[in-house]
């Protein structure tokens, strides 16, 4: 059996002035992770640089122009076609107003306890456990 090829997806952690992180809820008709929460971002196109892909994805999904600062970790995801490596970066908003794409149906600026309680996309649940998981939802 031949292993699925790898694909690279880039994601961005954006903070508001209160230290909350922007998370997006995938639309219910999404093929992968419907109605689940994730960080903004997506796959790199073949003819695209890493930076340009991440900036394009963030612009498309949020309406923000961003600066990318540093790497914040990785998480794997299995799809029907690929083994996707999600590379998570940290950035800041340079300009724009929040306007989510049709890929998503809702957004939140959330703290770690709130994110812990959300129904997350498979890759984001893994990422959260590995890198952000010291936060527990209230009552646990």
Protein backbone atom coordinates (compact mmCIF):
# COMPACT_ATOMS: atom_id res chain seq x y z
CA UNK A 1 0.00 0.00 0.00
CA UNK A 2 1.34 3.42 -0.97
CA UNK A 3 1.28 6.10 1.68
CA UNK A 4 -0.63 9.28 0.95
CA UNK A 5 1.53 12.24 -0.07
CA UNK A 6 2.18 15.06 2.38
CA UNK A 7 0.65 18.51 1.93
CA UNK A 8 1.51 21.66 3.87
CA UNK A 9 -1.12 23.92 5.42
CA UNK A 10 -0.22 27.16 7.17
CA UNK A 11 -2.23 28.62 10.06
CA UNK A 12 -1.95 31.84 12.02
CA UNK A 13 -2.55 32.73 15.66
CA UNK A 14 -3.83 36.30 15.89
CA UNK A 15 -4.42 38.02 19.24
CA UNK A 16 -6.75 40.92 20.02
CA UNK A 17 -5.89 43.68 22.51
CA UNK A 18 -7.18 41.49 25.38
CA UNK A 19 -4.98 38.50 24.52
CA UNK A 20 -7.83 36.49 22.96
CA UNK A 21 -7.16 34.32 19.90
CA UNK A 22 -9.20 34.49 16.69
CA UNK A 23 -10.89 31.15 15.93
CA UNK A 24 -13.22 30.39 13.02
CA UNK A 25 -16.03 27.83 12.81
CA UNK A 26 -16.07 25.85 9.56
CA UNK A 27 -19.36 25.93 7.70
CA UNK A 28 -21.66 22.92 8.22
CA UNK A 29 -21.31 21.86 4.57
CA UNK A 30 -17.49 21.69 4.68
CA UNK A 31 -16.08 18.41 3.37
CA UNK A 32 -13.49 18.29 6.15
CA UNK A 33 -14.25 19.12 9.80
CA UNK A 34 -17.76 20.59 9.26
CA UNK A 35 -19.01 22.90 12.05
CA UNK A 36 -15.71 22.62 13.92
CA UNK A 37 -13.46 25.43 15.14
CA UNK A 38 -9.97 26.16 13.84
CA UNK A 39 -7.33 28.82 13.37
CA UNK A 40 -7.44 30.76 10.08
CA UNK A 41 -5.20 29.57 7.24
CA UNK A 42 -5.02 26.88 4.58
CA UNK A 43 -2.99 25.01 1.98
CA UNK A 44 -0.09 26.41 0.05
CA UNK A 45 -0.65 26.45 -3.72
CA UNK A 46 2.09 24.90 -5.89
CA UNK A 47 3.28 28.23 -7.31
CA UNK A 48 3.23 30.14 -4.02
CA UNK A 49 5.80 31.08 -1.40
CA UNK A 50 5.12 30.18 2.23
CA UNK A 51 4.68 33.82 3.33
CA UNK A 52 2.44 34.73 0.41
CA UNK A 53 0.25 31.66 0.95
CA UNK A 54 -0.32 32.44 4.61
CA UNK A 55 -0.99 36.13 3.96
CA UNK A 56 -3.40 35.24 1.12
CA UNK A 57 -5.29 32.69 3.24
CA UNK A 58 -5.65 35.14 6.13
CA UNK A 59 -6.84 37.91 3.79
CA UNK A 60 -9.40 35.56 2.18
CA UNK A 61 -10.67 34.10 5.46
CA UNK A 62 -10.63 37.17 7.72
CA UNK A 63 -10.18 40.34 5.66
CA UNK A 64 -6.98 41.19 7.57
CA UNK A 65 -3.55 42.04 6.19
CA UNK A 66 -1.01 40.52 8.57
CA UNK A 67 2.64 40.34 9.51
CA UNK A 68 4.08 36.89 10.30
CA UNK A 69 6.48 36.70 13.26
CA UNK A 70 7.43 33.22 14.41
CA UNK A 71 6.57 29.52 14.34
CA UNK A 72 4.34 28.18 17.12
CA UNK A 73 4.14 24.43 16.39
CA UNK A 74 2.70 21.77 14.08
CA UNK A 75 -0.14 19.27 13.97
CA UNK A 76 -1.01 16.45 11.55
CA UNK A 77 -4.29 15.79 9.79
CA UNK A 78 -5.45 12.88 7.61
CA UNK A 79 -7.73 13.63 4.67
CA UNK A 80 -8.91 11.30 1.92
CA UNK A 81 -6.07 12.51 -0.31
CA UNK A 82 -3.24 13.75 1.92
CA UNK A 83 -1.38 13.63 5.18
CA UNK A 84 -1.53 17.33 5.97
CA UNK A 85 1.09 19.04 8.11
CA UNK A 86 -0.42 22.17 9.68
CA UNK A 87 2.34 24.64 10.49
CA UNK A 88 1.08 27.20 12.99
CA UNK A 89 2.63 30.67 13.07
CA UNK A 90 2.06 33.77 15.22
CA UNK A 91 1.31 37.09 13.58
CA UNK A 92 -0.21 40.52 14.03
CA UNK A 93 -2.90 42.41 12.20
CA UNK A 94 -1.60 45.29 10.09
CA UNK A 95 -4.89 46.49 8.58
CA UNK A 96 -8.39 45.50 7.52
CA UNK A 97 -11.68 44.75 9.19
CA UNK A 98 -12.90 41.30 10.18
CA UNK A 99 -14.99 39.74 7.43
CA UNK A 100 -15.07 35.92 7.36
CA UNK A 101 -15.23 33.91 4.13
CA UNK A 102 -17.96 31.46 3.13
CA UNK A 103 -15.68 28.61 4.31
CA UNK A 104 -16.64 29.65 7.84
CA UNK A 105 -19.94 30.56 9.48
CA UNK A 106 -18.84 32.12 12.76
CA UNK A 107 -15.85 33.66 14.51
CA UNK A 108 -14.80 34.32 18.11
CA UNK A 109 -12.00 36.06 19.91
CA UNK A 110 -11.53 33.45 22.64
CA UNK A 111 -9.31 32.78 25.63
CA UNK A 112 -7.71 29.38 26.20
CA UNK A 113 -10.45 28.07 28.54
CA UNK A 114 -13.12 28.90 25.94
CA UNK A 115 -11.09 27.33 23.12
CA UNK A 116 -10.61 24.21 25.28
CA UNK A 117 -14.40 23.81 25.44
CA UNK A 118 -15.02 24.25 21.69
CA UNK A 119 -15.57 21.39 19.27
CA UNK A 120 -12.30 21.76 17.36
CA UNK A 121 -11.16 20.52 13.94
CA UNK A 122 -9.14 17.29 14.27
CA UNK A 123 -5.76 18.95 13.61
CA UNK A 124 -6.60 21.88 15.95
CA UNK A 125 -7.62 19.52 18.76
CA UNK A 126 -4.21 17.83 18.42
CA UNK A 127 -2.42 21.17 18.29
CA UNK A 128 -4.33 22.47 21.31
CA UNK A 129 -3.45 19.36 23.38
CA UNK A 130 0.23 19.62 22.49
CA UNK A 131 0.81 23.39 22.76
CA UNK A 132 -2.08 25.09 24.59
CA UNK A 133 -3.57 22.31 26.71
CA UNK A 134 -2.67 23.56 30.17
CA UNK A 135 -5.93 25.54 30.09
CA UNK A 136 -9.02 23.63 31.21
CA UNK A 137 -12.65 24.64 30.71
CA UNK A 138 -14.30 26.00 33.86
CA UNK A 139 -15.76 23.26 35.99
CA UNK A 140 -13.22 20.58 35.02
